[in-house]
Amino acid sequence: MKPSHAADKELIGRTRAVWQPRLRRELTDEDARQVAENVTGFFSILAEWSRAATPAPANTSDVPATSNPGQVCDER
């Protein structure tokens, strides 16, 4: 689902408010859009690397356990 135009405008405004003082120059809407896109891409890559570095669990819940209802455990 694509964000609404109002959400885009709000993101651009917030991006300008955060980055403009740090860059010490006037940011255009296009500048702010590019900053937001680059920051989003940066954190997406960090998240991807984090998922790739996390080892898979030994016991995954997506594989159902198998059982044999006819088998009886005799513990004597």
N, C-alpha and C. Protein backbone atom coordinates (compact mmCIF):
# COMPACT_ATOMS: atom_id res chain seq x y z
N MET A 1 0.84 -1.18 0.00
CA MET A 1 0.00 0.00 0.00
C MET A 1 0.88 1.24 0.00
N LYS A 2 0.63 2.12 -0.92
CA LYS A 2 1.42 3.34 -1.06
C LYS A 2 0.93 4.39 -0.06
N PRO A 3 1.89 5.09 0.62
CA PRO A 3 1.45 6.12 1.57
C PRO A 3 0.67 7.22 0.86
N SER A 4 -0.22 7.86 1.61
CA SER A 4 -1.03 8.94 1.04
C SER A 4 -0.17 10.17 0.79
N HIS A 5 -0.70 11.08 0.00
CA HIS A 5 0.00 12.32 -0.31
C HIS A 5 0.24 13.13 0.96
N ALA A 6 -0.76 13.13 1.86
CA ALA A 6 -0.61 13.86 3.13
C ALA A 6 0.52 13.26 3.98
N ALA A 7 0.62 11.93 3.99
CA ALA A 7 1.69 11.27 4.75
C ALA A 7 3.04 11.61 4.13
N ASP A 8 3.11 11.64 2.79
CA ASP A 8 4.35 12.02 2.11
C ASP A 8 4.76 13.44 2.49
N LYS A 9 3.81 14.37 2.46
CA LYS A 9 4.09 15.76 2.81
C LYS A 9 4.56 15.87 4.26
N GLU A 10 3.92 15.11 5.16
CA GLU A 10 4.31 15.15 6.57
C GLU A 10 5.74 14.61 6.75
N LEU A 11 6.05 13.51 6.06
CA LEU A 11 7.39 12.93 6.15
C LEU A 11 8.43 13.92 5.62
N ILE A 12 8.14 14.56 4.51
CA ILE A 12 9.07 15.54 3.94
C ILE A 12 9.28 16.70 4.90
N GLY A 13 8.19 17.17 5.50
CA GLY A 13 8.29 18.28 6.47
C GLY A 13 9.11 17.90 7.69
N ARG A 14 8.87 16.71 8.22
CA ARG A 14 9.63 16.26 9.39
C ARG A 14 11.10 16.03 9.03
N THR A 15 11.35 15.50 7.84
CA THR A 15 12.73 15.27 7.39
C THR A 15 13.46 16.61 7.28
N ARG A 16 12.81 17.59 6.70
CA ARG A 16 13.43 18.92 6.59
C ARG A 16 13.72 19.50 7.97
N ALA A 17 12.78 19.34 8.91
CA ALA A 17 12.96 19.89 10.26
C ALA A 17 14.15 19.27 10.97
N VAL A 18 14.38 17.98 10.73
CA VAL A 18 15.49 17.29 11.39
C VAL A 18 16.83 17.59 10.71
N TRP A 19 16.86 17.52 9.39
CA TRP A 19 18.13 17.57 8.67
C TRP A 19 18.60 18.98 8.29
N GLN A 20 17.69 19.89 8.06
CA GLN A 20 18.09 21.23 7.61
C GLN A 20 19.04 21.92 8.59
N PRO A 21 18.79 21.90 9.90
CA PRO A 21 19.75 22.54 10.82
C PRO A 21 21.13 21.88 10.79
N ARG A 22 21.15 20.59 10.56
CA ARG A 22 22.42 19.87 10.53
C ARG A 22 23.22 20.15 9.26
N LEU A 23 22.51 20.39 8.18
CA LEU A 23 23.18 20.65 6.90
C LEU A 23 23.47 22.13 6.69
N ARG A 24 22.85 22.97 7.51
CA ARG A 24 23.07 24.43 7.48
C ARG A 24 22.79 25.05 6.11
N ARG A 25 21.78 24.50 5.45
CA ARG A 25 21.32 25.10 4.20
C ARG A 25 19.85 24.75 4.01
N GLU A 26 19.21 25.50 3.15
CA GLU A 26 17.79 25.27 2.85
C GLU A 26 17.63 23.98 2.05
N LEU A 27 16.77 23.11 2.52
CA LEU A 27 16.48 21.86 1.80
C LEU A 27 15.20 22.03 0.99
N THR A 28 15.23 21.59 -0.24
CA THR A 28 14.02 21.56 -1.04
C THR A 28 13.22 20.32 -0.67
N ASP A 29 11.99 20.26 -1.14
CA ASP A 29 11.18 19.05 -0.92
C ASP A 29 11.87 17.84 -1.54
N GLU A 30 12.47 18.02 -2.69
CA GLU A 30 13.17 16.91 -3.35
C GLU A 30 14.38 16.47 -2.52
N ASP A 31 15.13 17.43 -1.97
CA ASP A 31 16.26 17.09 -1.09
C ASP A 31 15.77 16.25 0.09
N ALA A 32 14.70 16.70 0.73
CA ALA A 32 14.16 16.00 1.90
C ALA A 32 13.66 14.61 1.52
N ARG A 33 13.02 14.50 0.36
CA ARG A 33 12.55 13.19 -0.11
C ARG A 33 13.71 12.23 -0.30
N GLN A 34 14.81 12.72 -0.89
CA GLN A 34 15.98 11.88 -1.11
C GLN A 34 16.64 11.48 0.21
N VAL A 35 16.70 12.39 1.16
CA VAL A 35 17.26 12.07 2.47
C VAL A 35 16.43 10.96 3.12
N ALA A 36 15.10 11.12 3.12
CA ALA A 36 14.22 10.11 3.72
C ALA A 36 14.38 8.76 3.03
N GLU A 37 14.48 8.77 1.72
CA GLU A 37 14.65 7.53 0.96
C GLU A 37 15.99 6.87 1.30
N ASN A 38 17.05 7.66 1.39
CA ASN A 38 18.38 7.11 1.70
C ASN A 38 18.45 6.56 3.12
N VAL A 39 17.86 7.27 4.08
CA VAL A 39 17.87 6.79 5.46
C VAL A 39 17.06 5.50 5.57
N THR A 40 15.92 5.45 4.89
CA THR A 40 15.11 4.23 4.89
C THR A 40 15.88 3.07 4.28
N GLY A 41 16.55 3.31 3.18
CA GLY A 41 17.35 2.27 2.54
C GLY A 41 18.49 1.79 3.43
N PHE A 42 19.13 2.72 4.12
CA PHE A 42 20.23 2.38 5.01
C PHE A 42 19.76 1.44 6.12
N PHE A 43 18.64 1.79 6.77
CA PHE A 43 18.15 0.95 7.85
C PHE A 43 17.58 -0.37 7.34
N SER A 44 17.08 -0.40 6.12
CA SER A 44 16.61 -1.66 5.53
C SER A 44 17.78 -2.62 5.33
N ILE A 45 18.90 -2.09 4.88
CA ILE A 45 20.10 -2.93 4.69
C ILE A 45 20.62 -3.42 6.04
N LEU A 46 20.64 -2.55 7.06
CA LEU A 46 21.06 -2.99 8.39
C LEU A 46 20.16 -4.11 8.90
N ALA A 47 18.86 -3.99 8.72
CA ALA A 47 17.93 -5.03 9.16
C ALA A 47 18.17 -6.32 8.40
N GLU A 48 18.42 -6.22 7.11
CA GLU A 48 18.71 -7.41 6.29
C GLU A 48 19.98 -8.10 6.78
N TRP A 49 21.02 -7.34 7.04
CA TRP A 49 22.27 -7.91 7.55
C TRP A 49 22.06 -8.56 8.91
N SER A 50 21.25 -7.93 9.75
CA SER A 50 20.97 -8.48 11.08
C SER A 50 20.25 -9.82 10.96
N ARG A 51 19.26 -9.90 10.07
CA ARG A 51 18.56 -11.17 9.87
C ARG A 51 19.49 -12.24 9.33
N ALA A 52 20.40 -11.86 8.44
CA ALA A 52 21.33 -12.83 7.85
C ALA A 52 22.35 -13.32 8.88
N ALA A 53 22.68 -12.48 9.85
CA ALA A 53 23.67 -12.84 10.86
C ALA A 53 23.07 -13.65 12.00
N THR A 54 21.75 -13.66 12.12
CA THR A 54 21.08 -14.38 13.20
C THR A 54 20.96 -15.84 12.81
N PRO A 55 21.52 -16.76 13.62
CA PRO A 55 21.43 -18.17 13.28
C PRO A 55 19.98 -18.67 13.36
N ALA A 56 19.67 -19.62 12.51
CA ALA A 56 18.32 -20.19 12.51
C ALA A 56 18.14 -21.03 13.78
N PRO A 57 16.95 -21.00 14.35
CA PRO A 57 16.71 -21.82 15.54
C PRO A 57 16.80 -23.31 15.22
N ALA A 58 17.27 -24.09 16.18
CA ALA A 58 17.43 -25.53 15.97
C ALA A 58 16.08 -26.22 15.87
N ASN A 59 15.10 -25.73 16.59
CA ASN A 59 13.77 -26.33 16.59
C ASN A 59 12.79 -25.30 16.04
N THR A 60 12.49 -25.41 14.76
CA THR A 60 11.58 -24.44 14.16
C THR A 60 10.14 -24.87 14.36
N SER A 61 9.28 -23.92 14.56
CA SER A 61 7.87 -24.22 14.80
C SER A 61 7.10 -24.41 13.51
N ASP A 62 7.71 -24.16 12.36
CA ASP A 62 6.99 -24.31 11.10
C ASP A 62 6.95 -25.76 10.62
N VAL A 63 7.69 -26.65 11.26
CA VAL A 63 7.68 -28.06 10.90
C VAL A 63 6.94 -28.80 12.02
N PRO A 64 5.77 -29.39 11.70
CA PRO A 64 5.02 -30.06 12.76
C PRO A 64 5.75 -31.30 13.27
N ALA A 65 5.61 -31.54 14.55
CA ALA A 65 6.21 -32.73 15.15
C ALA A 65 5.44 -33.95 14.69
N THR A 66 6.15 -35.02 14.45
CA THR A 66 5.49 -36.25 14.05
C THR A 66 5.39 -37.17 15.25
N SER A 67 4.30 -37.87 15.31
CA SER A 67 4.12 -38.83 16.40
C SER A 67 3.44 -40.06 15.86
N ASN A 68 3.60 -41.13 16.56
CA ASN A 68 2.98 -42.39 16.17
C ASN A 68 2.00 -42.75 17.27
N PRO A 69 0.70 -42.53 17.05
CA PRO A 69 -0.27 -42.77 18.11
C PRO A 69 -0.35 -44.23 18.54
N GLY A 70 0.10 -45.14 17.71
CA GLY A 70 0.06 -46.56 18.06
C GLY A 70 1.23 -46.97 18.92
N GLN A 71 2.22 -46.14 19.05
CA GLN A 71 3.41 -46.48 19.82
C GLN A 71 3.19 -46.13 21.29
N VAL A 72 3.53 -47.06 22.15
CA VAL A 72 3.36 -46.86 23.57
C VAL A 72 4.74 -46.90 24.21
N CYS A 73 4.98 -46.00 25.09
CA CYS A 73 6.26 -45.95 25.78
C CYS A 73 6.12 -46.74 27.06
N ASP A 74 6.92 -47.78 27.21
CA ASP A 74 6.87 -48.63 28.38
C ASP A 74 8.11 -48.33 29.22
N GLU A 75 7.92 -47.58 30.27
CA GLU A 75 9.05 -47.20 31.12
C GLU A 75 9.02 -48.02 32.39
N ARG A 76 9.73 -49.14 32.42
CA ARG A 76 9.78 -49.99 33.61
C ARG A 76 11.13 -49.97 34.22
